[in-house]
Amino acid sequence: MSTAKYDCIIVGTGPAGIFAAWELCNNSNLKILMLEKGRDINARYCHLA
């Protein structure tokens, strides 16, 4: 079993988690892991108001 190393782990990929990951990816060289127990991000949808 191998061990992966991450600089930042984001638990929850709701709007805040996704935005945090986006900002970290665009403004740093950190290795990021995102964890979510819900639906895959491609299976989500947002109703327009």
Protein backbone atom coordinates (compact mmCIF):
# COMPACT_ATOMS: atom_id res chain seq x y z
CA MET A 1 0.00 0.00 0.00
CA SER A 2 1.47 3.35 -1.01
CA THR A 3 0.99 6.58 0.85
CA ALA A 4 0.13 9.82 -0.91
CA LYS A 5 1.18 13.19 0.49
CA TYR A 6 -0.93 16.32 0.14
CA ASP A 7 -0.38 19.91 1.24
CA CYS A 8 -4.09 20.59 1.62
CA ILE A 9 -7.14 18.35 2.06
CA ILE A 10 -10.58 19.82 1.39
CA VAL A 11 -13.47 17.88 2.89
CA GLY A 12 -16.73 18.63 1.12
CA THR A 13 -17.03 19.77 -2.47
CA GLY A 14 -19.96 22.10 -2.19
CA PRO A 15 -19.62 25.62 -3.56
CA ALA A 16 -17.17 26.71 -0.83
CA GLY A 17 -14.97 23.61 -1.19
CA ILE A 18 -14.84 23.85 -4.96
CA PHE A 19 -14.03 27.58 -4.85
CA ALA A 20 -11.32 27.01 -2.22
CA ALA A 21 -9.73 24.29 -4.37
CA TRP A 22 -9.98 26.50 -7.47
CA GLU A 23 -8.22 29.38 -5.73
CA LEU A 24 -5.51 27.14 -4.27
CA CYS A 25 -4.86 25.51 -7.65
CA ASN A 26 -4.64 28.83 -9.45
CA ASN A 27 -2.56 30.67 -6.84
CA SER A 28 -0.15 28.08 -5.46
CA ASN A 29 1.82 24.95 -6.22
CA LEU A 30 0.13 22.98 -3.46
CA LYS A 31 -0.90 19.36 -3.95
CA ILE A 32 -4.62 19.24 -3.11
CA LEU A 33 -6.96 16.37 -2.31
CA MET A 34 -10.74 16.89 -2.38
CA LEU A 35 -13.03 14.43 -0.57
CA GLU A 36 -16.79 14.14 -1.06
CA LYS A 37 -19.24 11.45 -0.02
CA GLY A 38 -22.08 12.72 -2.22
CA ARG A 39 -22.66 12.56 -5.97
CA ASP A 40 -19.89 12.93 -8.50
CA ILE A 41 -19.39 16.55 -9.54
CA ASN A 42 -20.43 15.68 -13.11
CA ALA A 43 -23.76 14.31 -11.83
CA ARG A 44 -24.73 17.52 -10.00
CA TYR A 45 -26.89 20.32 -11.29
CA CYS A 46 -27.93 23.76 -10.14
CA HIS A 47 -31.30 25.28 -10.95
CA LEU A 48 -31.23 28.78 -12.36
CA ALA A 49 -33.27 31.29 -10.41
